[in-house]
Amino acid sequence: MNPYSCNRRATVSSRREFLTRSGLGFGGLALNCMLQAESARADAPAAAAYNPLRVKPPHFAAKAKSVIFIFLQGGPSQLETFDPKPELQKYDGQYLPPSYLKKGIGLAQIKAEESRLMGTRRVFRKHGQSGLEISDLFPKLSEFADDLAVIRSCYHESFIHGPAITIIHTGSLLMGQPSMGAWVLYGLGSETDNLPAYMVMADDYMRNSKSVIGSGFLPAVYQGTVLSTQGAALENLQPPGPVSQENQQAILSQLKQWNQRHLADRSDDSSLAARIRNYELAFRMQMAGPELIDLSREPGHINRLYGLDTQETANFGRMCLLSRRMVERGVRFVHLYNSDWDGHGECDKNHRENAIKTDGPVAGLLADLKQRGMLDSTLVVLAGEFGRTPIMQGKEGRDHSPYGFSVVMAGGGIKGGKAIGATDELGFYAAEDKVHVHDMHATMLELLGLDHHKLNVKVSGLEKRLTGVGEDGNHSVAKRLLAG
């Protein structure tokens, strides 16, 4: 007997028996990465837990409706990219003066006998009508200088990769907190019924695994969905061969009834609610998913714009092109990982190799969004987990520095061609208009129409939010980004 036939299904009388005996492999139908976080729980009403992705109005008029967050994993040096330091060039090869060490700001891991300064090998030039200074690592991105806002005074508290990546993604040094994307979905919901609203791609490995793209204590449905950049982007998009679309829909409808009955006695189980929605989403994705990742209909000039015709840029270029297609189809938050900017040795060589992979594709993304009229409604953010010190490490390398680094923003209503804040004369630490990571997050939320104070949830009686609840930070710089 065909195990997928209607007669076979008619002999099954319960949800448990159905899942045990059917052999339909619903774990395959529903994307594995969407069914994680078994232990996630949220203090939310049952109705909201079952439909947490409903579209919600922003707190106030929004400039942006979606985000493309480009994470330069490893920590790019601000001194080689967006923060020119002519004073540092004067002291190239000299030891840091003892008087500077005594300031004690951001110098905890530096020893006086190992404090030889290293100037950059890059050349900074003014670009566009604004004259924004950008290094020669980014010749194509520099063409969009008047669309870019560079925050040169970002900082946080950890110079270790793990906690630094965690705070950039979740606003906390502690693991297990909701990611930026999860908070955005919690605040605004999803504008697409056929695709995950939070999607993630990486051109190499992801530090901290998937913990920093999870939903934490929010409902599990808010976690990111990872698309592979090697082989099949989305697994199991094709339905099981013997099952017709009509039979599959009937099967899922019956399973939905049993699942809803099962959920009724477990209303606080957000992972169960997420699993139910993901069965349904997986079915719809069998139609929408292949169309999303099929780039064959993109014209040749678009493929060339993103660098798909060049070996060095093809992989990351495809990620950038897919991110535009995702936003175009209603995906709320797209997260791109680019590795690896960890220049402990030969920092300049490391950065040149990484810039070759990213400069053209990111510029192509901005050009494409702009010509389609999508840049004003799409916030594009370029950031690493920290910057680097002006001190030489090993063979012309630089160590980690979270005390002053650069973040670039474009789109989302931002008025570009400006630099906000500044590091000190040598580039060690944020010195003017300091912008904590919490401030960066508050700014992103404000551009999306969300008040970061109101975007909160109580967990075990404690208020939690992306921007923390302390007095440090929590001041959006959106007004300066939007001002002419």
Protein backbone atom coordinates (compact mmCIF):
# COMPACT_ATOMS: atom_id res chain seq x y z
CA MET A 1 0.00 0.00 0.00
CA ASN A 2 1.20 3.49 -0.77
CA PRO A 3 2.05 4.98 2.63
CA TYR A 4 1.10 8.44 1.30
CA SER A 5 -2.41 7.49 0.15
CA CYS A 6 -5.59 8.93 1.63
CA ASN A 7 -6.60 5.46 2.82
CA ARG A 8 -3.39 5.21 4.79
CA ARG A 9 -4.12 8.54 6.46
CA ALA A 10 -7.67 7.50 7.24
CA THR A 11 -6.42 4.70 9.50
CA VAL A 12 -4.49 7.12 11.71
CA SER A 13 -6.48 8.53 14.61
CA SER A 14 -4.08 10.71 16.58
CA ARG A 15 -1.32 13.24 16.13
CA ARG A 16 1.23 11.03 17.85
CA GLU A 17 0.33 7.98 15.76
CA PHE A 18 0.37 10.08 12.60
CA LEU A 19 3.88 11.41 13.23
CA THR A 20 5.13 7.97 14.24
CA ARG A 21 3.70 5.95 11.38
CA SER A 22 3.38 8.26 8.41
CA GLY A 23 7.06 8.36 7.42
CA LEU A 24 6.42 11.67 5.70
CA GLY A 25 9.53 13.25 7.18
CA PHE A 26 8.05 16.53 8.29
CA GLY A 27 11.39 17.29 9.89
CA GLY A 28 12.57 17.47 6.30
CA LEU A 29 9.62 19.51 5.07
CA ALA A 30 10.13 22.15 7.72
CA LEU A 31 13.57 23.68 7.57
CA ASN A 32 15.80 22.32 10.32
CA CYS A 33 17.16 25.73 11.23
CA MET A 34 13.61 26.98 11.81
CA LEU A 35 12.80 24.24 14.31
CA GLN A 36 15.52 24.88 16.87
CA ALA A 37 15.37 26.50 20.31
CA GLU A 38 13.38 23.70 21.92
CA SER A 39 13.61 25.34 25.31
CA ALA A 40 12.69 28.89 24.27
CA ARG A 41 9.82 30.37 26.28
CA ALA A 42 8.16 33.77 26.34
CA ASP A 43 5.79 35.51 28.76
CA ALA A 44 3.12 36.15 26.10
CA PRO A 45 -0.59 35.37 25.73
CA ALA A 46 -1.49 32.19 23.89
CA ALA A 47 -3.07 34.02 20.95
CA ALA A 48 -0.03 36.20 20.41
CA ALA A 49 2.27 33.20 20.78
CA TYR A 50 0.44 31.38 18.01
CA ASN A 51 0.41 34.35 15.60
CA PRO A 52 3.49 36.34 16.65
CA LEU A 53 4.37 37.37 13.09
CA ARG A 54 1.25 39.39 12.44
CA VAL A 55 2.06 42.85 11.08
CA LYS A 56 2.18 45.41 13.89
CA PRO A 57 2.13 49.20 13.53
CA PRO A 58 5.33 51.05 14.44
CA HIS A 59 5.39 53.35 17.44
CA PHE A 60 5.77 56.35 15.13
CA ALA A 61 6.33 57.09 11.44
CA ALA A 62 9.19 54.97 10.15
CA LYS A 63 11.88 55.91 7.65
CA ALA A 64 12.85 52.29 6.94
CA LYS A 65 10.80 49.12 6.78
CA SER A 66 13.62 46.58 6.44
CA VAL A 67 17.28 46.11 7.37
CA ILE A 68 20.28 44.55 5.63
CA PHE A 69 22.96 44.11 8.29
CA ILE A 70 26.39 43.31 6.82
CA PHE A 71 28.62 41.92 9.54
CA LEU A 72 32.38 42.10 8.86
CA GLN A 73 33.33 39.29 11.20
CA GLY A 74 36.70 39.44 12.92
CA GLY A 75 36.88 43.17 13.53
CA PRO A 76 37.94 45.48 10.67
CA SER A 77 40.40 48.21 11.55
CA GLN A 78 38.89 51.68 11.55
CA LEU A 79 42.40 52.95 10.77
CA GLU A 80 42.46 51.13 7.43
CA THR A 81 38.86 51.81 6.42
CA PHE A 82 36.82 54.83 7.54
CA ASP A 83 38.80 56.75 10.19
CA PRO A 84 41.85 58.62 8.82
CA LYS A 85 44.54 59.47 11.40
CA PRO A 86 47.28 61.69 9.97
CA GLU A 87 48.73 62.14 13.46
CA LEU A 88 49.29 58.39 13.72
CA GLN A 89 51.29 58.47 10.49
CA LYS A 90 53.75 60.89 12.09
CA TYR A 91 54.55 58.39 14.86
CA ASP A 92 54.74 55.30 12.67
CA GLY A 93 57.30 52.89 14.20
CA GLN A 94 57.71 54.85 17.44
CA TYR A 95 56.71 53.69 20.91
CA LEU A 96 53.61 55.08 22.51
CA PRO A 97 54.57 57.89 24.96
CA PRO A 98 54.24 56.88 28.65
CA SER A 99 52.02 59.90 29.20
CA TYR A 100 49.50 58.38 26.79
CA LEU A 101 49.58 55.02 28.54
CA LYS A 102 48.74 56.74 31.82
CA LYS A 103 45.41 57.86 30.40
CA GLY A 104 44.33 54.26 30.83
CA ILE A 105 41.44 54.55 28.38
CA GLY A 106 41.18 51.42 26.32
CA LEU A 107 44.79 50.43 26.98
CA ALA A 108 44.31 47.58 29.43
CA GLN A 109 45.81 44.91 27.17
CA ILE A 110 48.78 47.02 26.00
CA LYS A 111 52.24 46.82 27.58
CA ALA A 112 54.60 49.80 27.32
CA GLU A 113 57.44 47.70 25.90
CA GLU A 114 55.12 46.37 23.19
CA SER A 115 53.47 49.65 22.26
CA ARG A 116 55.14 50.45 18.95
CA LEU A 117 52.72 52.49 16.86
CA MET A 118 51.90 51.47 13.30
CA GLY A 119 50.55 53.89 10.74
CA THR A 120 48.26 52.67 7.97
CA ARG A 121 49.52 51.65 4.54
CA ARG A 122 46.26 52.84 3.02
CA VAL A 123 45.52 56.18 1.39
CA PHE A 124 42.46 58.17 2.44
CA ARG A 125 40.79 60.50 -0.04
CA LYS A 126 37.79 62.78 0.01
CA HIS A 127 34.85 61.58 -2.05
CA GLY A 128 31.60 62.97 -3.42
CA GLN A 129 30.26 66.45 -2.91
CA SER A 130 30.47 65.92 0.84
CA GLY A 131 34.19 65.19 0.85
CA LEU A 132 33.72 62.18 3.14
CA GLU A 133 37.11 60.51 3.66
CA ILE A 134 37.28 56.79 2.87
CA SER A 135 40.34 54.62 2.33
CA ASP A 136 41.42 53.21 -1.02
CA LEU A 137 40.33 49.75 0.14
CA PHE A 138 36.85 50.69 -1.07
CA PRO A 139 37.09 52.42 -4.46
CA LYS A 140 33.59 51.34 -5.54
CA LEU A 141 31.88 51.94 -2.22
CA SER A 142 33.50 55.40 -2.18
CA GLU A 143 31.39 56.32 -5.18
CA PHE A 144 28.43 56.31 -2.77
CA ALA A 145 30.09 58.60 -0.21
CA ASP A 146 27.17 61.02 -0.32
CA ASP A 147 24.83 58.18 0.67
CA LEU A 148 26.97 56.98 3.60
CA ALA A 149 26.94 58.07 7.22
CA VAL A 150 30.04 56.92 9.10
CA ILE A 151 29.77 56.75 12.90
CA ARG A 152 33.45 56.94 13.95
CA SER A 153 32.92 56.84 17.71
CA CYS A 154 31.26 53.48 18.41
CA TYR A 155 32.41 51.53 21.45
CA HIS A 156 31.53 48.78 23.92
CA GLU A 157 33.19 46.85 26.76
CA SER A 158 34.74 43.63 25.42
CA PHE A 159 37.90 43.05 23.37
CA ILE A 160 37.24 39.27 23.13
CA HIS A 161 35.52 38.00 20.00
CA GLY A 162 32.79 35.98 21.71
CA PRO A 163 31.29 38.62 23.99
CA ALA A 164 31.96 41.36 21.42
CA ILE A 165 30.00 39.52 18.73
CA THR A 166 27.26 38.81 21.25
CA ILE A 167 26.82 42.44 22.27
CA ILE A 168 26.86 43.66 18.66
CA HIS A 169 24.11 41.19 17.77
CA THR A 170 22.02 41.13 20.94
CA GLY A 171 22.93 44.20 23.00
CA SER A 172 24.26 42.00 25.81
CA LEU A 173 27.58 40.41 26.69
CA LEU A 174 25.67 37.32 27.82
CA MET A 175 24.68 34.58 25.40
CA GLY A 176 21.10 33.43 25.01
CA GLN A 177 19.57 36.86 24.41
CA PRO A 178 17.35 37.73 21.41
CA SER A 179 19.18 38.99 18.35
CA MET A 180 18.57 42.31 16.58
CA GLY A 181 16.51 40.57 13.94
CA ALA A 182 14.37 38.82 16.55
CA TRP A 183 13.64 42.12 18.29
CA VAL A 184 12.69 43.77 14.99
CA LEU A 185 10.26 40.96 14.18
CA TYR A 186 8.88 41.14 17.71
CA GLY A 187 8.22 44.85 17.19
CA LEU A 188 6.94 44.90 13.62
CA GLY A 189 5.97 41.38 12.55
CA SER A 190 6.39 40.01 9.04
CA GLU A 191 5.30 41.41 5.69
CA THR A 192 5.73 38.07 3.92
CA ASP A 193 3.63 34.94 4.33
CA ASN A 194 5.77 32.75 2.09
CA LEU A 195 9.31 33.34 3.35
CA PRO A 196 10.98 33.60 6.76
CA ALA A 197 11.01 37.22 7.87
CA TYR A 198 14.58 37.01 9.24
CA MET A 199 17.17 35.42 6.97
CA VAL A 200 20.91 34.86 7.44
CA MET A 201 23.74 34.06 5.02
CA ALA A 202 27.46 33.57 5.61
CA ASP A 203 30.34 33.26 3.15
CA ASP A 204 32.32 31.20 5.68
CA TYR A 205 31.99 30.06 9.29
CA MET A 206 29.96 31.99 11.86
CA ARG A 207 31.62 32.65 15.23
CA ASN A 208 29.37 31.94 18.23
CA SER A 209 27.50 29.53 15.95
CA LYS A 210 23.82 30.38 15.67
CA SER A 211 23.36 31.65 19.22
CA VAL A 212 23.54 35.30 18.15
CA ILE A 213 20.80 34.96 15.53
CA GLY A 214 18.38 33.22 17.87
CA SER A 215 15.21 34.39 19.57
CA GLY A 216 16.40 33.99 23.17
CA PHE A 217 13.46 34.44 25.53
CA LEU A 218 11.19 35.71 22.73
CA PRO A 219 8.98 33.24 20.86
CA ALA A 220 11.05 30.77 18.85
CA VAL A 221 9.45 31.84 15.57
CA TYR A 222 11.54 35.04 15.65
CA GLN A 223 14.88 33.25 15.19
CA GLY A 224 16.90 33.67 12.00
CA THR A 225 16.73 31.19 9.13
CA VAL A 226 20.14 30.34 7.66
CA LEU A 227 20.53 29.95 3.92
CA SER A 228 23.52 27.95 2.77
CA THR A 229 25.91 29.64 0.34
CA GLN A 230 27.38 26.30 -0.67
CA GLY A 231 25.27 23.74 -2.52
CA ALA A 232 21.50 23.97 -2.08
CA ALA A 233 20.56 27.26 -0.44
CA LEU A 234 17.41 25.80 1.07
CA GLU A 235 17.12 22.11 1.82
CA ASN A 236 13.99 20.03 1.21
CA LEU A 237 12.19 22.55 -0.98
CA GLN A 238 10.81 19.76 -3.15
CA PRO A 239 7.86 17.80 -1.68
CA PRO A 240 8.17 14.02 -1.26
CA GLY A 241 7.82 12.45 -4.71
CA PRO A 242 4.69 10.27 -4.16
CA VAL A 243 2.67 13.14 -2.62
CA SER A 244 0.53 15.42 -4.77
CA GLN A 245 0.13 19.04 -3.77
CA GLU A 246 -3.52 18.43 -2.90
CA ASN A 247 -2.74 15.43 -0.69
CA GLN A 248 0.10 17.30 0.99
CA GLN A 249 -2.23 20.21 1.78
CA ALA A 250 -4.82 17.79 3.18
CA ILE A 251 -2.18 16.11 5.33
CA LEU A 252 -0.96 19.44 6.69
CA SER A 253 -4.52 20.60 7.38
CA GLN A 254 -5.16 17.48 9.46
CA LEU A 255 -1.83 17.86 11.24
CA LYS A 256 -2.65 21.50 11.95
CA GLN A 257 -5.88 20.47 13.70
CA TRP A 258 -4.03 17.98 15.90
CA ASN A 259 -1.24 20.48 16.60
CA GLN A 260 -3.67 23.20 17.62
CA ARG A 261 -5.42 20.78 19.96
CA HIS A 262 -2.01 19.80 21.35
CA LEU A 263 -1.08 23.50 21.78
CA ALA A 264 -4.29 24.31 23.64
CA ASP A 265 -2.94 22.55 26.74
CA ARG A 266 0.54 24.05 26.30
CA SER A 267 -0.15 27.70 25.53
CA ASP A 268 3.18 28.89 26.95
CA ASP A 269 5.27 26.68 24.64
CA SER A 270 6.52 29.13 22.01
CA SER A 271 8.68 26.52 20.25
CA LEU A 272 5.59 24.35 19.70
CA ALA A 273 3.70 27.35 18.31
CA ALA A 274 6.66 28.14 16.08
CA ARG A 275 6.81 24.54 14.87
CA ILE A 276 3.16 24.62 13.84
CA ARG A 277 3.66 27.80 11.83
CA ASN A 278 6.83 26.42 10.29
CA TYR A 279 5.07 23.32 8.94
CA GLU A 280 2.71 25.67 7.14
CA LEU A 281 5.51 28.02 6.04
CA ALA A 282 7.58 25.11 4.74
CA PHE A 283 4.69 24.12 2.47
CA ARG A 284 4.37 27.66 1.09
CA MET A 285 8.14 27.92 0.67
CA GLN A 286 8.09 25.02 -1.75
CA MET A 287 6.67 27.56 -4.18
CA ALA A 288 8.29 30.82 -3.04
CA GLY A 289 11.74 29.45 -2.09
CA PRO A 290 12.88 28.23 -5.51
CA GLU A 291 11.77 31.50 -7.10
CA LEU A 292 13.70 33.51 -4.51
CA ILE A 293 17.03 31.77 -5.06
CA ASP A 294 16.71 31.42 -8.84
CA LEU A 295 18.99 34.14 -10.22
CA SER A 296 18.71 32.98 -13.83
CA ARG A 297 16.10 35.63 -14.61
CA GLU A 298 18.28 38.46 -13.36
CA PRO A 299 19.68 40.36 -16.36
CA GLY A 300 23.38 40.13 -17.14
CA HIS A 301 24.11 43.70 -16.10
CA ILE A 302 22.73 43.01 -12.60
CA ASN A 303 24.91 39.92 -12.22
CA ARG A 304 27.93 41.98 -13.28
CA LEU A 305 26.93 44.81 -10.93
CA TYR A 306 27.19 42.43 -7.97
CA GLY A 307 30.39 40.79 -9.26
CA LEU A 308 28.90 37.39 -10.01
CA ASP A 309 31.13 37.18 -13.07
CA THR A 310 34.36 37.40 -11.02
CA GLN A 311 35.69 34.59 -8.86
CA GLU A 312 36.76 36.80 -5.93
CA THR A 313 33.38 38.52 -5.61
CA ALA A 314 30.94 35.86 -6.85
CA ASN A 315 30.08 34.30 -3.47
CA PHE A 316 29.53 37.48 -1.48
CA GLY A 317 28.00 39.15 -4.53
CA ARG A 318 25.38 36.40 -4.70
CA MET A 319 24.61 36.97 -1.02
CA CYS A 320 24.12 40.69 -1.63
CA LEU A 321 21.92 40.08 -4.66
CA LEU A 322 19.81 37.60 -2.72
CA SER A 323 19.45 40.12 0.10
CA ARG A 324 17.95 42.64 -2.34
CA ARG A 325 15.56 39.97 -3.64
CA MET A 326 14.58 39.08 -0.06
CA VAL A 327 13.80 42.66 0.91
CA GLU A 328 11.90 43.05 -2.35
CA ARG A 329 9.70 40.12 -1.31
CA GLY A 330 8.95 41.42 2.16
CA VAL A 331 11.73 39.92 4.29
CA ARG A 332 12.13 42.24 7.27
CA PHE A 333 15.71 41.58 8.40
CA VAL A 334 18.59 40.19 6.31
CA HIS A 335 21.87 39.36 8.02
CA LEU A 336 25.05 38.81 5.98
CA TYR A 337 28.27 37.41 7.50
CA ASN A 338 31.59 38.16 5.79
CA SER A 339 34.82 36.58 7.11
CA ASP A 340 37.44 37.11 8.31
CA TRP A 341 38.81 40.58 9.17
CA ASP A 342 40.82 39.43 12.22
CA GLY A 343 44.14 41.05 11.23
CA HIS A 344 46.46 40.05 14.08
CA GLY A 345 49.22 39.52 11.56
CA GLU A 346 49.71 41.49 8.35
CA CYS A 347 46.58 43.52 8.94
CA ASP A 348 46.93 45.39 5.66
CA LYS A 349 47.15 42.18 3.61
CA ASN A 350 44.19 40.70 5.46
CA HIS A 351 42.07 43.78 4.83
CA ARG A 352 43.04 44.05 1.17
CA GLU A 353 41.94 40.47 0.54
CA ASN A 354 38.63 40.96 2.33
CA ALA A 355 37.94 44.32 0.71
CA ILE A 356 38.36 42.77 -2.75
CA LYS A 357 35.56 40.33 -1.88
CA THR A 358 33.18 42.93 -0.45
CA ASP A 359 33.75 46.37 -2.02
CA GLY A 360 32.07 45.70 -5.38
CA PRO A 361 29.14 43.63 -4.07
CA VAL A 362 28.22 46.15 -1.33
CA ALA A 363 28.47 49.02 -3.82
CA GLY A 364 26.38 46.97 -6.24
CA LEU A 365 23.75 46.44 -3.54
CA LEU A 366 23.51 50.18 -2.86
CA ALA A 367 23.33 50.96 -6.59
CA ASP A 368 20.63 48.35 -7.16
CA LEU A 369 18.52 49.45 -4.20
CA LYS A 370 18.88 53.06 -5.26
CA GLN A 371 17.86 52.56 -8.87
CA ARG A 372 14.81 50.55 -7.77
CA GLY A 373 13.70 53.24 -5.34
CA MET A 374 14.26 50.88 -2.40
CA LEU A 375 17.21 52.50 -0.64
CA ASP A 376 15.10 55.01 1.29
CA SER A 377 13.05 52.18 2.80
CA THR A 378 15.98 49.81 3.39
CA LEU A 379 18.53 50.50 6.12
CA VAL A 380 21.94 49.07 5.21
CA VAL A 381 24.44 48.72 8.08
CA LEU A 382 28.11 47.75 7.79
CA ALA A 383 29.84 46.82 11.07
CA GLY A 384 32.29 44.46 12.76
CA GLU A 385 32.37 43.38 16.40
CA PHE A 386 35.10 45.93 17.22
CA GLY A 387 38.01 47.82 15.64
CA ARG A 388 41.79 47.48 15.98
CA THR A 389 44.48 49.27 17.98
CA PRO A 390 47.05 51.63 16.44
CA ILE A 391 49.70 49.46 18.12
CA MET A 392 51.59 46.98 15.97
CA GLN A 393 51.09 43.34 16.91
CA GLY A 394 53.37 40.59 15.60
CA LYS A 395 54.23 41.08 11.94
CA GLU A 396 52.44 44.32 11.13
CA GLY A 397 49.18 43.18 12.71
CA ARG A 398 46.75 44.93 15.01
CA ASP A 399 45.02 43.71 18.16
CA HIS A 400 41.33 44.03 19.03
CA SER A 401 39.93 47.36 20.21
CA PRO A 402 36.29 47.88 21.24
CA TYR A 403 37.03 51.34 22.59
CA GLY A 404 36.61 53.26 19.34
CA PHE A 405 35.56 51.88 15.96
CA SER A 406 33.48 52.75 12.90
CA VAL A 407 30.00 51.70 11.78
CA VAL A 408 28.62 52.69 8.38
CA MET A 409 24.95 53.24 7.63
CA ALA A 410 23.10 54.04 4.41
CA GLY A 411 19.49 54.20 3.27
CA GLY A 412 16.52 54.14 5.60
CA GLY A 413 16.07 57.89 5.15
CA ILE A 414 19.64 58.66 6.24
CA LYS A 415 21.25 61.83 4.88
CA GLY A 416 24.66 60.61 3.81
CA GLY A 417 28.00 62.26 3.25
CA LYS A 418 28.77 62.77 6.92
CA ALA A 419 30.97 61.49 9.73
CA ILE A 420 29.52 61.43 13.24
CA GLY A 421 31.78 61.44 16.31
CA ALA A 422 35.53 60.92 16.41
CA THR A 423 38.24 58.85 18.02
CA ASP A 424 41.29 60.46 19.66
CA GLU A 425 44.21 61.65 17.53
CA LEU A 426 45.78 58.19 17.34
CA GLY A 427 42.55 56.21 16.97
CA PHE A 428 42.58 54.40 20.31
CA TYR A 429 39.20 55.31 21.77
CA ALA A 430 35.98 57.23 21.10
CA ALA A 431 36.59 60.81 22.14
CA GLU A 432 33.78 62.94 20.67
CA ASP A 433 30.05 62.18 20.55
CA LYS A 434 30.55 58.64 21.83
CA VAL A 435 28.09 56.10 20.46
CA HIS A 436 27.70 52.93 22.52
CA VAL A 437 26.44 49.79 20.79
CA HIS A 438 23.15 50.38 22.61
CA ASP A 439 22.96 53.77 20.89
CA MET A 440 23.53 52.08 17.53
CA HIS A 441 20.70 49.65 18.22
CA ALA A 442 18.41 52.45 19.42
CA THR A 443 19.17 54.31 16.20
CA MET A 444 18.33 51.32 14.02
CA LEU A 445 15.07 50.78 15.88
CA GLU A 446 14.13 54.46 15.64
CA LEU A 447 14.66 54.46 11.89
CA LEU A 448 12.24 51.50 11.78
CA GLY A 449 9.69 53.49 13.78
CA LEU A 450 10.31 51.70 17.07
CA ASP A 451 10.88 53.35 20.44
CA HIS A 452 13.57 51.21 22.05
CA HIS A 453 12.18 51.95 25.53
CA LYS A 454 8.78 50.55 24.53
CA LEU A 455 10.19 47.54 22.70
CA ASN A 456 10.50 45.35 25.77
CA VAL A 457 9.30 42.16 27.36
CA LYS A 458 9.19 41.00 30.96
CA VAL A 459 11.08 37.82 31.75
CA SER A 460 10.68 36.45 35.27
CA GLY A 461 9.50 39.90 36.33
CA LEU A 462 12.49 41.73 34.82
CA GLU A 463 12.14 44.13 31.90
CA LYS A 464 14.35 43.17 28.95
CA ARG A 465 15.12 45.10 25.78
CA LEU A 466 17.71 45.19 23.01
CA THR A 467 19.27 48.40 24.31
CA GLY A 468 19.61 47.26 27.91
CA VAL A 469 18.07 48.95 30.92
CA GLY A 470 21.12 50.69 32.42
CA GLU A 471 22.03 54.34 32.16
CA ASP A 472 24.96 53.78 29.80
CA GLY A 473 24.01 54.50 26.21
CA ASN A 474 20.40 54.28 25.07
CA HIS A 475 20.50 57.58 23.16
CA SER A 476 19.60 57.25 19.50
CA VAL A 477 21.65 59.30 17.04
CA ALA A 478 18.95 58.99 14.37
CA LYS A 479 18.21 62.72 14.33
CA ARG A 480 21.79 63.49 13.34
CA LEU A 481 21.70 60.78 10.70
CA LEU A 482 18.52 62.20 9.21
CA ALA A 483 19.52 65.87 9.36
CA GLY A 484 20.80 67.53 6.20
